[in-house]
Amino acid sequence: MHKYIAYLEYLNRKLSKYFQDQEPYIFCKKGCAKCCQQGDYPFKEIEVEYLLYGFSQLPNDKKQIILQKIQKLKQEKLNNQQGEFMYECPFLINKECSVYEYRGVICRTFGLISSRENANSKVPFCAFEGLNYSNVLDADQKVISEEKFLALHTDIEPLAYNVSYKYLTSEKFEKVFEFEFGEHRSLIDWFE
């Protein structure tokens, strides 16, 4: 686990710089939680192990709330007839992550514009809800507006970063940090 923690320290340094560099466009704040209220939340095995370590440190009342939420979500997923199952993260309590220091990679990167393999960029969905990058978003075209950027009178451009989950949990990082991410599942599917 110590090698995964070293990886997270590296990742946190990079992400802190990215978020700081994009400060004119970042509106994340404690209690917002839009990113935790409707998702699929991909997690690799080592991420879940670390998350569960954080869970084990919680007081019993919070643990019970989370366990009840997990059971409810498992039942809802079982009853789901629509295919894709989107849900609120069971570790979200009163719009705050109960295991914030132990959260997964997808949670750490959300809110930045991410670059894609096809050279396009993906704006976080919260931009369409008045949050990150909303001040430079052309919502109709689903792109960053040069006109809105210029109207801000800032030299800091809205940039895309290579922060895709697929990239950040790739073999490249396993080799460099000498650990394995393990199997991939939706967060809720890790709880049998």
N, C-alpha and C. Protein backbone atom coordinates (compact mmCIF):
# COMPACT_ATOMS: atom_id res chain seq x y z
N MET A 1 0.83 -1.20 0.00
CA MET A 1 0.00 0.00 0.00
C MET A 1 0.87 1.27 0.00
N HIS A 2 2.05 1.21 0.59
CA HIS A 2 2.89 2.41 0.66
C HIS A 2 3.30 2.92 -0.73
N LYS A 3 3.40 2.02 -1.71
CA LYS A 3 3.74 2.45 -3.08
C LYS A 3 2.55 3.16 -3.72
N TYR A 4 1.34 2.70 -3.44
CA TYR A 4 0.15 3.38 -3.93
C TYR A 4 0.04 4.76 -3.28
N ILE A 5 0.36 4.86 -2.01
CA ILE A 5 0.32 6.15 -1.32
C ILE A 5 1.34 7.11 -1.93
N ALA A 6 2.52 6.59 -2.31
CA ALA A 6 3.53 7.42 -2.98
C ALA A 6 2.98 7.93 -4.31
N TYR A 7 2.27 7.07 -5.04
CA TYR A 7 1.63 7.48 -6.29
C TYR A 7 0.61 8.59 -6.03
N LEU A 8 -0.22 8.43 -4.99
CA LEU A 8 -1.22 9.45 -4.68
C LEU A 8 -0.57 10.78 -4.30
N GLU A 9 0.54 10.72 -3.59
CA GLU A 9 1.25 11.96 -3.25
C GLU A 9 1.73 12.67 -4.51
N TYR A 10 2.28 11.90 -5.45
CA TYR A 10 2.71 12.44 -6.74
C TYR A 10 1.50 13.04 -7.47
N LEU A 11 0.42 12.28 -7.55
CA LEU A 11 -0.78 12.73 -8.25
C LEU A 11 -1.36 13.98 -7.59
N ASN A 12 -1.42 14.01 -6.28
CA ASN A 12 -1.96 15.18 -5.58
C ASN A 12 -1.14 16.43 -5.86
N ARG A 13 0.19 16.30 -5.93
CA ARG A 13 1.04 17.46 -6.25
C ARG A 13 0.70 17.99 -7.64
N LYS A 14 0.58 17.08 -8.62
CA LYS A 14 0.25 17.50 -9.98
C LYS A 14 -1.14 18.15 -10.04
N LEU A 15 -2.11 17.50 -9.40
CA LEU A 15 -3.47 18.03 -9.45
C LEU A 15 -3.59 19.36 -8.73
N SER A 16 -2.90 19.51 -7.61
CA SER A 16 -2.92 20.80 -6.89
C SER A 16 -2.43 21.92 -7.80
N LYS A 17 -1.35 21.64 -8.54
CA LYS A 17 -0.82 22.64 -9.46
C LYS A 17 -1.83 22.93 -10.57
N TYR A 18 -2.43 21.88 -11.14
CA TYR A 18 -3.41 22.09 -12.21
C TYR A 18 -4.59 22.93 -11.73
N PHE A 19 -5.13 22.57 -10.57
CA PHE A 19 -6.27 23.32 -10.04
C PHE A 19 -5.87 24.76 -9.72
N GLN A 20 -4.67 24.94 -9.18
CA GLN A 20 -4.19 26.29 -8.88
C GLN A 20 -4.01 27.09 -10.17
N ASP A 21 -3.43 26.45 -11.20
CA ASP A 21 -3.21 27.13 -12.48
C ASP A 21 -4.52 27.52 -13.16
N GLN A 22 -5.59 26.81 -12.88
CA GLN A 22 -6.89 27.06 -13.49
C GLN A 22 -7.84 27.83 -12.55
N GLU A 23 -7.30 28.42 -11.54
CA GLU A 23 -8.07 29.07 -10.48
C GLU A 23 -9.19 30.00 -10.96
N PRO A 24 -9.02 30.77 -12.05
CA PRO A 24 -10.13 31.63 -12.49
C PRO A 24 -11.38 30.87 -12.94
N TYR A 25 -11.24 29.56 -13.15
CA TYR A 25 -12.34 28.77 -13.70
C TYR A 25 -12.87 27.71 -12.73
N ILE A 26 -12.24 27.60 -11.58
CA ILE A 26 -12.58 26.54 -10.63
C ILE A 26 -13.48 27.11 -9.53
N PHE A 27 -14.66 26.52 -9.40
CA PHE A 27 -15.62 26.98 -8.40
C PHE A 27 -15.97 25.89 -7.39
N CYS A 28 -15.18 24.81 -7.37
CA CYS A 28 -15.38 23.75 -6.39
C CYS A 28 -15.24 24.32 -4.99
N LYS A 29 -16.08 23.85 -4.10
CA LYS A 29 -15.95 24.24 -2.70
C LYS A 29 -16.57 23.14 -1.84
N LYS A 30 -16.17 23.11 -0.61
CA LYS A 30 -16.68 22.10 0.31
C LYS A 30 -18.21 22.21 0.38
N GLY A 31 -18.86 21.07 0.22
CA GLY A 31 -20.31 21.05 0.28
C GLY A 31 -21.01 21.13 -1.06
N CYS A 32 -20.27 21.37 -2.13
CA CYS A 32 -20.89 21.42 -3.46
C CYS A 32 -21.40 20.03 -3.83
N ALA A 33 -20.52 19.07 -3.96
CA ALA A 33 -20.83 17.65 -4.12
C ALA A 33 -21.60 17.26 -5.37
N LYS A 34 -21.71 18.12 -6.37
CA LYS A 34 -22.41 17.75 -7.62
C LYS A 34 -21.77 16.50 -8.23
N CYS A 35 -20.45 16.42 -8.16
CA CYS A 35 -19.73 15.30 -8.76
C CYS A 35 -19.98 13.99 -8.04
N CYS A 36 -20.50 14.04 -6.84
CA CYS A 36 -20.72 12.82 -6.03
C CYS A 36 -22.18 12.39 -6.01
N GLN A 37 -23.05 13.16 -6.64
CA GLN A 37 -24.48 12.90 -6.52
C GLN A 37 -25.08 12.08 -7.65
N GLN A 38 -24.36 11.92 -8.74
CA GLN A 38 -24.91 11.17 -9.87
C GLN A 38 -23.75 10.67 -10.72
N GLY A 39 -23.35 9.42 -10.50
CA GLY A 39 -22.24 8.88 -11.28
C GLY A 39 -22.18 7.37 -11.23
N ASP A 40 -21.11 6.85 -11.83
CA ASP A 40 -20.85 5.42 -11.86
C ASP A 40 -19.60 5.10 -11.04
N TYR A 41 -18.68 6.04 -10.90
CA TYR A 41 -17.51 5.98 -10.04
C TYR A 41 -16.64 4.75 -10.27
N PRO A 42 -15.80 4.77 -11.33
CA PRO A 42 -14.89 3.66 -11.55
C PRO A 42 -13.82 3.60 -10.47
N PHE A 43 -13.58 2.41 -9.97
CA PHE A 43 -12.56 2.20 -8.94
C PHE A 43 -11.78 0.94 -9.26
N LYS A 44 -10.48 1.02 -9.09
CA LYS A 44 -9.62 -0.17 -9.20
C LYS A 44 -9.48 -0.78 -7.81
N GLU A 45 -9.03 -2.01 -7.79
CA GLU A 45 -8.95 -2.77 -6.54
C GLU A 45 -8.15 -2.07 -5.45
N ILE A 46 -7.00 -1.52 -5.80
CA ILE A 46 -6.17 -0.88 -4.77
C ILE A 46 -6.84 0.40 -4.24
N GLU A 47 -7.59 1.08 -5.09
CA GLU A 47 -8.31 2.27 -4.65
C GLU A 47 -9.36 1.90 -3.61
N VAL A 48 -10.04 0.79 -3.83
CA VAL A 48 -11.07 0.33 -2.90
C VAL A 48 -10.43 -0.09 -1.58
N GLU A 49 -9.28 -0.76 -1.63
CA GLU A 49 -8.58 -1.14 -0.40
C GLU A 49 -8.24 0.10 0.43
N TYR A 50 -7.75 1.13 -0.24
CA TYR A 50 -7.38 2.37 0.45
C TYR A 50 -8.63 3.07 1.00
N LEU A 51 -9.69 3.09 0.20
CA LEU A 51 -10.96 3.68 0.62
C LEU A 51 -11.50 2.96 1.86
N LEU A 52 -11.43 1.64 1.85
CA LEU A 52 -11.93 0.87 2.99
C LEU A 52 -11.08 1.07 4.23
N TYR A 53 -9.80 1.33 4.05
CA TYR A 53 -8.97 1.68 5.21
C TYR A 53 -9.50 2.98 5.82
N GLY A 54 -9.79 3.96 4.98
CA GLY A 54 -10.37 5.21 5.47
C GLY A 54 -11.71 4.99 6.14
N PHE A 55 -12.52 4.12 5.55
CA PHE A 55 -13.81 3.76 6.13
C PHE A 55 -13.62 3.17 7.53
N SER A 56 -12.62 2.33 7.71
CA SER A 56 -12.39 1.68 9.01
C SER A 56 -12.03 2.69 10.11
N GLN A 57 -11.60 3.86 9.72
CA GLN A 57 -11.22 4.90 10.68
C GLN A 57 -12.42 5.75 11.13
N LEU A 58 -13.54 5.59 10.48
CA LEU A 58 -14.72 6.41 10.77
C LEU A 58 -15.40 5.97 12.07
N PRO A 59 -16.13 6.91 12.70
CA PRO A 59 -16.94 6.52 13.85
C PRO A 59 -18.06 5.57 13.42
N ASN A 60 -18.53 4.75 14.34
CA ASN A 60 -19.53 3.71 14.03
C ASN A 60 -20.81 4.27 13.44
N ASP A 61 -21.26 5.45 13.88
CA ASP A 61 -22.51 5.99 13.34
C ASP A 61 -22.38 6.30 11.85
N LYS A 62 -21.24 6.83 11.43
CA LYS A 62 -21.03 7.10 9.99
C LYS A 62 -20.90 5.80 9.21
N LYS A 63 -20.23 4.83 9.80
CA LYS A 63 -20.11 3.52 9.13
C LYS A 63 -21.49 2.93 8.87
N GLN A 64 -22.37 3.03 9.84
CA GLN A 64 -23.72 2.47 9.69
C GLN A 64 -24.50 3.18 8.59
N ILE A 65 -24.37 4.49 8.52
CA ILE A 65 -25.04 5.25 7.46
C ILE A 65 -24.56 4.78 6.09
N ILE A 66 -23.26 4.63 5.95
CA ILE A 66 -22.67 4.21 4.67
C ILE A 66 -23.10 2.79 4.32
N LEU A 67 -23.04 1.90 5.27
CA LEU A 67 -23.44 0.52 5.01
C LEU A 67 -24.91 0.42 4.60
N GLN A 68 -25.76 1.22 5.23
CA GLN A 68 -27.17 1.24 4.85
C GLN A 68 -27.35 1.77 3.43
N LYS A 69 -26.59 2.81 3.09
CA LYS A 69 -26.67 3.36 1.74
C LYS A 69 -26.20 2.34 0.70
N ILE A 70 -25.14 1.61 1.03
CA ILE A 70 -24.64 0.59 0.11
C ILE A 70 -25.68 -0.48 -0.13
N GLN A 71 -26.31 -0.96 0.94
CA GLN A 71 -27.34 -1.99 0.79
C GLN A 71 -28.51 -1.49 -0.05
N LYS A 72 -28.92 -0.27 0.17
CA LYS A 72 -30.02 0.32 -0.60
C LYS A 72 -29.64 0.42 -2.08
N LEU A 73 -28.43 0.88 -2.35
CA LEU A 73 -27.97 1.01 -3.74
C LEU A 73 -27.85 -0.33 -4.43
N LYS A 74 -27.36 -1.34 -3.71
CA LYS A 74 -27.25 -2.68 -4.29
C LYS A 74 -28.63 -3.19 -4.71
N GLN A 75 -29.63 -2.94 -3.87
CA GLN A 75 -30.99 -3.37 -4.20
C GLN A 75 -31.54 -2.58 -5.39
N GLU A 76 -31.31 -1.27 -5.39
CA GLU A 76 -31.76 -0.44 -6.51
C GLU A 76 -31.11 -0.89 -7.82
N LYS A 77 -29.82 -1.22 -7.77
CA LYS A 77 -29.14 -1.67 -8.98
C LYS A 77 -29.72 -3.00 -9.45
N LEU A 78 -30.00 -3.87 -8.52
CA LEU A 78 -30.60 -5.16 -8.85
C LEU A 78 -31.96 -4.98 -9.53
N ASN A 79 -32.73 -4.00 -9.09
CA ASN A 79 -34.06 -3.73 -9.64
C ASN A 79 -34.03 -2.86 -10.91
N ASN A 80 -32.86 -2.31 -11.23
CA ASN A 80 -32.72 -1.41 -12.36
C ASN A 80 -32.94 -2.16 -13.67
N GLN A 81 -33.85 -1.67 -14.48
CA GLN A 81 -34.13 -2.28 -15.77
C GLN A 81 -33.61 -1.45 -16.94
N GLN A 82 -32.94 -0.35 -16.65
CA GLN A 82 -32.56 0.58 -17.70
C GLN A 82 -31.12 0.39 -18.20
N GLY A 83 -30.39 -0.56 -17.69
CA GLY A 83 -29.01 -0.78 -18.13
C GLY A 83 -28.02 -0.01 -17.28
N GLU A 84 -27.69 1.20 -17.69
CA GLU A 84 -26.72 2.00 -16.95
C GLU A 84 -27.31 2.41 -15.59
N PHE A 85 -26.52 2.27 -14.55
CA PHE A 85 -26.98 2.60 -13.21
C PHE A 85 -26.13 3.74 -12.65
N MET A 86 -26.73 4.88 -12.49
CA MET A 86 -26.07 6.06 -11.93
C MET A 86 -26.60 6.25 -10.51
N TYR A 87 -25.72 6.65 -9.61
CA TYR A 87 -26.13 6.73 -8.21
C TYR A 87 -25.29 7.75 -7.45
N GLU A 88 -25.79 8.10 -6.26
CA GLU A 88 -25.03 8.98 -5.37
C GLU A 88 -24.01 8.13 -4.63
N CYS A 89 -22.80 8.63 -4.52
CA CYS A 89 -21.75 7.90 -3.82
C CYS A 89 -22.19 7.62 -2.38
N PRO A 90 -22.10 6.37 -1.93
CA PRO A 90 -22.55 6.04 -0.57
C PRO A 90 -21.69 6.65 0.53
N PHE A 91 -20.52 7.16 0.17
CA PHE A 91 -19.64 7.77 1.16
C PHE A 91 -19.91 9.26 1.34
N LEU A 92 -20.87 9.77 0.58
CA LEU A 92 -21.28 11.17 0.70
C LEU A 92 -22.31 11.29 1.83
N ILE A 93 -21.97 12.07 2.84
CA ILE A 93 -22.87 12.30 3.97
C ILE A 93 -23.00 13.81 4.17
N ASN A 94 -24.23 14.30 4.12
CA ASN A 94 -24.50 15.74 4.26
C ASN A 94 -23.65 16.57 3.29
N LYS A 95 -23.59 16.11 2.04
CA LYS A 95 -22.87 16.78 0.96
C LYS A 95 -21.36 16.90 1.21
N GLU A 96 -20.82 16.02 2.02
CA GLU A 96 -19.37 15.98 2.25
C GLU A 96 -18.88 14.55 2.16
N CYS A 97 -17.71 14.38 1.57
CA CYS A 97 -17.12 13.05 1.47
C CYS A 97 -16.61 12.62 2.84
N SER A 98 -17.10 11.51 3.32
CA SER A 98 -16.72 11.03 4.66
C SER A 98 -15.33 10.40 4.67
N VAL A 99 -14.79 10.10 3.48
CA VAL A 99 -13.47 9.48 3.37
C VAL A 99 -12.58 10.29 2.42
N TYR A 100 -12.68 11.59 2.49
CA TYR A 100 -12.05 12.50 1.52
C TYR A 100 -10.56 12.20 1.30
N GLU A 101 -9.80 12.02 2.33
CA GLU A 101 -8.36 11.76 2.19
C GLU A 101 -8.09 10.42 1.51
N TYR A 102 -9.07 9.54 1.49
CA TYR A 102 -8.91 8.18 0.96
C TYR A 102 -9.68 7.98 -0.34
N ARG A 103 -10.21 9.05 -0.91
CA ARG A 103 -11.05 8.97 -2.12
C ARG A 103 -10.26 8.45 -3.31
N GLY A 104 -10.98 8.04 -4.34
CA GLY A 104 -10.37 7.45 -5.52
C GLY A 104 -9.80 8.47 -6.48
N VAL A 105 -9.12 7.97 -7.49
CA VAL A 105 -8.49 8.81 -8.51
C VAL A 105 -9.54 9.63 -9.25
N ILE A 106 -10.65 9.02 -9.62
CA ILE A 106 -11.70 9.73 -10.36
C ILE A 106 -12.22 10.92 -9.56
N CYS A 107 -12.28 10.77 -8.25
CA CYS A 107 -12.75 11.84 -7.37
C CYS A 107 -11.73 12.97 -7.29
N ARG A 108 -10.47 12.63 -7.32
CA ARG A 108 -9.41 13.63 -7.20
C ARG A 108 -9.30 14.49 -8.45
N THR A 109 -9.60 13.92 -9.61
CA THR A 109 -9.39 14.64 -10.87
C THR A 109 -10.62 15.40 -11.36
N PHE A 110 -11.78 15.07 -10.82
CA PHE A 110 -12.99 15.69 -11.35
C PHE A 110 -12.95 17.20 -11.18
N GLY A 111 -13.41 17.89 -12.20
CA GLY A 111 -13.51 19.35 -12.16
C GLY A 111 -12.59 20.04 -13.13
N LEU A 112 -11.58 19.33 -13.62
CA LEU A 112 -10.67 19.88 -14.63
C LEU A 112 -11.17 19.50 -16.02
N ILE A 113 -10.76 20.26 -17.03
CA ILE A 113 -10.98 19.86 -18.41
C ILE A 113 -9.96 18.77 -18.69
N SER A 114 -10.43 17.65 -19.21
CA SER A 114 -9.49 16.56 -19.51
C SER A 114 -9.31 16.40 -21.01
N SER A 115 -8.07 16.12 -21.38
CA SER A 115 -7.79 15.85 -22.79
C SER A 115 -8.11 14.40 -23.08
N ARG A 116 -8.47 14.14 -24.31
CA ARG A 116 -8.83 12.79 -24.73
C ARG A 116 -7.84 12.31 -25.78
N GLU A 117 -7.86 10.99 -26.01
CA GLU A 117 -6.95 10.40 -27.00
C GLU A 117 -7.18 10.94 -28.40
N ASN A 118 -8.41 11.33 -28.72
CA ASN A 118 -8.74 11.83 -30.06
C ASN A 118 -8.47 13.32 -30.23
N ALA A 119 -7.73 13.90 -29.30
CA ALA A 119 -7.33 15.32 -29.32
C ALA A 119 -8.46 16.27 -28.96
N ASN A 120 -9.63 15.76 -28.64
CA ASN A 120 -10.71 16.59 -28.13
C ASN A 120 -10.56 16.73 -26.62
N SER A 121 -11.31 17.63 -26.06
CA SER A 121 -11.29 17.83 -24.62
C SER A 121 -12.67 17.59 -24.04
N LYS A 122 -12.70 17.20 -22.78
CA LYS A 122 -13.98 16.97 -22.11
C LYS A 122 -14.11 17.96 -20.95
N VAL A 123 -15.15 18.76 -21.03
CA VAL A 123 -15.45 19.74 -19.99
C VAL A 123 -16.23 19.00 -18.89
N PRO A 124 -15.93 19.26 -17.61
CA PRO A 124 -16.68 18.57 -16.56
C PRO A 124 -18.16 18.96 -16.62
N PHE A 125 -19.04 18.00 -16.33
CA PHE A 125 -20.48 18.27 -16.44
C PHE A 125 -20.93 19.40 -15.54
N CYS A 126 -20.20 19.65 -14.46
CA CYS A 126 -20.61 20.72 -13.55
C CYS A 126 -20.53 22.10 -14.21
N ALA A 127 -19.79 22.21 -15.32
CA ALA A 127 -19.74 23.48 -16.05
C ALA A 127 -21.12 23.86 -16.56
N PHE A 128 -21.92 22.86 -16.89
CA PHE A 128 -23.28 23.11 -17.39
C PHE A 128 -24.25 23.43 -16.27
N GLU A 129 -23.76 23.35 -15.03
CA GLU A 129 -24.59 23.65 -13.86
C GLU A 129 -24.06 24.87 -13.10
N GLY A 130 -23.30 25.71 -13.80
CA GLY A 130 -22.83 26.97 -13.22
C GLY A 130 -21.58 26.85 -12.37
N LEU A 131 -20.84 25.76 -12.51
CA LEU A 131 -19.65 25.59 -11.67
C LEU A 131 -18.38 25.67 -12.54
N ASN A 132 -17.46 24.77 -12.36
CA ASN A 132 -16.15 24.87 -13.02
C ASN A 132 -16.26 25.13 -14.52
N TYR A 133 -15.53 26.14 -14.95
CA TYR A 133 -15.43 26.57 -16.35
C TYR A 133 -16.74 27.14 -16.91
N SER A 134 -17.76 27.30 -16.09
CA SER A 134 -19.02 27.85 -16.59
C SER A 134 -18.87 29.29 -17.08
N ASN A 135 -17.88 30.00 -16.53
CA ASN A 135 -17.68 31.39 -16.95
C ASN A 135 -17.04 31.52 -18.33
N VAL A 136 -16.60 30.41 -18.93
CA VAL A 136 -16.05 30.44 -20.29
C VAL A 136 -16.72 29.40 -21.20
N LEU A 137 -17.79 28.83 -20.74
CA LEU A 137 -18.46 27.77 -21.50
C LEU A 137 -19.53 28.32 -22.43
N ASP A 138 -19.49 27.86 -23.67
CA ASP A 138 -20.61 28.07 -24.60
C ASP A 138 -21.41 26.78 -24.49
N ALA A 139 -22.47 26.81 -23.69
CA ALA A 139 -23.24 25.61 -23.38
C ALA A 139 -23.93 25.03 -24.61
N ASP A 140 -24.35 25.89 -25.53
CA ASP A 140 -25.02 25.40 -26.74
C ASP A 140 -24.07 24.58 -27.62
N GLN A 141 -22.85 25.08 -27.76
CA GLN A 141 -21.86 24.40 -28.61
C GLN A 141 -21.04 23.36 -27.83
N LYS A 142 -21.16 23.42 -26.50
CA LYS A 142 -20.42 22.50 -25.60
C LYS A 142 -18.91 22.63 -25.76
N VAL A 143 -18.46 23.89 -25.89
CA VAL A 143 -17.04 24.19 -26.02
C VAL A 143 -16.70 25.42 -25.18
N ILE A 144 -15.41 25.63 -24.97
CA ILE A 144 -14.94 26.83 -24.31
C ILE A 144 -15.03 27.98 -25.31
N SER A 145 -15.62 29.08 -24.87
CA SER A 145 -15.83 30.23 -25.72
C SER A 145 -14.65 31.19 -25.65
N GLU A 146 -14.04 31.46 -26.78
CA GLU A 146 -12.93 32.41 -26.82
C GLU A 146 -13.44 33.81 -26.43
N GLU A 147 -14.63 34.14 -26.86
CA GLU A 147 -15.21 35.45 -26.54
C GLU A 147 -15.38 35.62 -25.03
N LYS A 148 -15.90 34.60 -24.36
CA LYS A 148 -16.06 34.67 -22.90
C LYS A 148 -14.70 34.71 -22.20
N PHE A 149 -13.74 33.97 -22.72
CA PHE A 149 -12.40 33.98 -22.15
C PHE A 149 -11.79 35.39 -22.24
N LEU A 150 -11.88 35.99 -23.40
CA LEU A 150 -11.32 37.33 -23.59
C LEU A 150 -12.02 38.36 -22.71
N ALA A 151 -13.30 38.20 -22.47
CA ALA A 151 -14.06 39.13 -21.63
C ALA A 151 -13.61 39.08 -20.17
N LEU A 152 -12.96 37.99 -19.75
CA LEU A 152 -12.47 37.89 -18.37
C LEU A 152 -11.21 38.70 -18.12
N HIS A 153 -10.52 39.10 -19.19
CA HIS A 153 -9.29 39.89 -19.08
C HIS A 153 -8.26 39.20 -18.18
N THR A 154 -8.00 37.94 -18.47
CA THR A 154 -6.99 37.19 -17.74
C THR A 154 -6.01 36.57 -18.72
N ASP A 155 -4.79 36.42 -18.30
CA ASP A 155 -3.78 35.76 -19.13
C ASP A 155 -3.79 34.25 -18.96
N ILE A 156 -4.56 33.79 -18.00
CA ILE A 156 -4.60 32.36 -17.71
C ILE A 156 -5.65 31.70 -18.60
N GLU A 157 -5.19 30.89 -19.53
CA GLU A 157 -6.10 30.23 -20.46
C GLU A 157 -6.74 29.00 -19.82
N PRO A 158 -7.98 28.71 -20.19
CA PRO A 158 -8.57 27.45 -19.75
C PRO A 158 -7.90 26.31 -20.52
N LEU A 159 -7.27 25.40 -19.79
CA LEU A 159 -6.50 24.33 -20.42
C LEU A 159 -7.06 22.96 -20.10
N ALA A 160 -6.78 22.02 -20.99
CA ALA A 160 -7.13 20.62 -20.77
C ALA A 160 -5.88 19.89 -20.29
N TYR A 161 -6.06 18.96 -19.38
CA TYR A 161 -4.95 18.19 -18.84
C TYR A 161 -5.19 16.70 -19.09
N ASN A 162 -4.11 15.96 -19.15
CA ASN A 162 -4.22 14.52 -19.33
C ASN A 162 -4.52 13.87 -17.99
N VAL A 163 -5.78 13.98 -17.57
CA VAL A 163 -6.20 13.45 -16.27
C VAL A 163 -7.33 12.42 -16.43
N SER A 164 -7.36 11.77 -17.57
CA SER A 164 -8.39 10.74 -17.74
C SER A 164 -8.12 9.59 -16.78
N TYR A 165 -9.18 8.98 -16.32
CA TYR A 165 -9.04 7.85 -15.38
C TYR A 165 -8.25 6.72 -16.02
N LYS A 166 -8.53 6.46 -17.29
CA LYS A 166 -7.83 5.39 -18.01
C LYS A 166 -6.32 5.63 -17.99
N TYR A 167 -5.90 6.84 -18.28
CA TYR A 167 -4.47 7.17 -18.30
C TYR A 167 -3.86 7.09 -16.90
N LEU A 168 -4.51 7.70 -15.92
CA LEU A 168 -3.94 7.78 -14.57
C LEU A 168 -3.92 6.45 -13.83
N THR A 169 -4.64 5.46 -14.34
CA THR A 169 -4.60 4.12 -13.74
C THR A 169 -4.01 3.10 -14.72
N SER A 170 -3.15 3.58 -15.58
CA SER A 170 -2.55 2.73 -16.62
C SER A 170 -1.29 2.01 -16.12
N GLU A 171 -0.81 1.08 -16.95
CA GLU A 171 0.41 0.33 -16.64
C GLU A 171 1.60 1.25 -16.45
N LYS A 172 1.61 2.38 -17.13
CA LYS A 172 2.72 3.33 -17.00
C LYS A 172 2.97 3.66 -15.53
N PHE A 173 1.92 3.98 -14.82
CA PHE A 173 2.07 4.34 -13.41
C PHE A 173 2.33 3.12 -12.53
N GLU A 174 1.81 1.97 -12.93
CA GLU A 174 2.10 0.74 -12.19
C GLU A 174 3.60 0.44 -12.25
N LYS A 175 4.20 0.62 -13.41
CA LYS A 175 5.63 0.35 -13.58
C LYS A 175 6.48 1.35 -12.81
N VAL A 176 6.15 2.62 -12.94
CA VAL A 176 6.94 3.67 -12.29
C VAL A 176 6.89 3.53 -10.77
N PHE A 177 5.70 3.27 -10.23
CA PHE A 177 5.53 3.22 -8.78
C PHE A 177 5.55 1.79 -8.21
N GLU A 178 5.70 0.82 -9.07
CA GLU A 178 5.88 -0.59 -8.69
C GLU A 178 4.74 -1.15 -7.83
N PHE A 179 3.54 -1.00 -8.35
CA PHE A 179 2.37 -1.62 -7.73
C PHE A 179 1.37 -1.91 -8.83
N GLU A 180 0.31 -2.65 -8.51
CA GLU A 180 -0.73 -2.93 -9.48
C GLU A 180 -2.06 -2.36 -9.01
N PHE A 181 -2.78 -1.73 -9.93
CA PHE A 181 -4.10 -1.19 -9.60
C PHE A 181 -5.11 -2.31 -9.39
N GLY A 182 -4.97 -3.40 -10.12
CA GLY A 182 -5.90 -4.51 -10.00
C GLY A 182 -7.14 -4.33 -10.85
N GLU A 183 -8.10 -5.16 -10.56
CA GLU A 183 -9.35 -5.20 -11.31
C GLU A 183 -10.10 -3.87 -11.23
N HIS A 184 -10.92 -3.62 -12.25
CA HIS A 184 -11.71 -2.39 -12.36
C HIS A 184 -13.20 -2.71 -12.27
N ARG A 185 -13.92 -1.96 -11.42
CA ARG A 185 -15.37 -2.08 -11.30
C ARG A 185 -15.95 -0.73 -10.91
N SER A 186 -17.25 -0.63 -11.04
CA SER A 186 -17.97 0.51 -10.48
C SER A 186 -17.88 0.40 -8.95
N LEU A 187 -17.79 1.51 -8.27
CA LEU A 187 -17.61 1.50 -6.81
C LEU A 187 -18.62 0.59 -6.11
N ILE A 188 -19.88 0.71 -6.46
CA ILE A 188 -20.92 -0.06 -5.77
C ILE A 188 -20.76 -1.56 -5.99
N ASP A 189 -20.14 -1.94 -7.12
CA ASP A 189 -19.97 -3.36 -7.42
C ASP A 189 -18.86 -4.01 -6.61
N TRP A 190 -18.09 -3.25 -5.88
CA TRP A 190 -17.06 -3.82 -5.02
C TRP A 190 -17.66 -4.38 -3.73
N PHE A 191 -18.89 -4.04 -3.46
CA PHE A 191 -19.51 -4.46 -2.20
C PHE A 191 -20.49 -5.60 -2.47
N GLU A 192 -20.12 -6.79 -2.09
CA GLU A 192 -20.94 -7.99 -2.33
C GLU A 192 -21.90 -8.24 -1.19
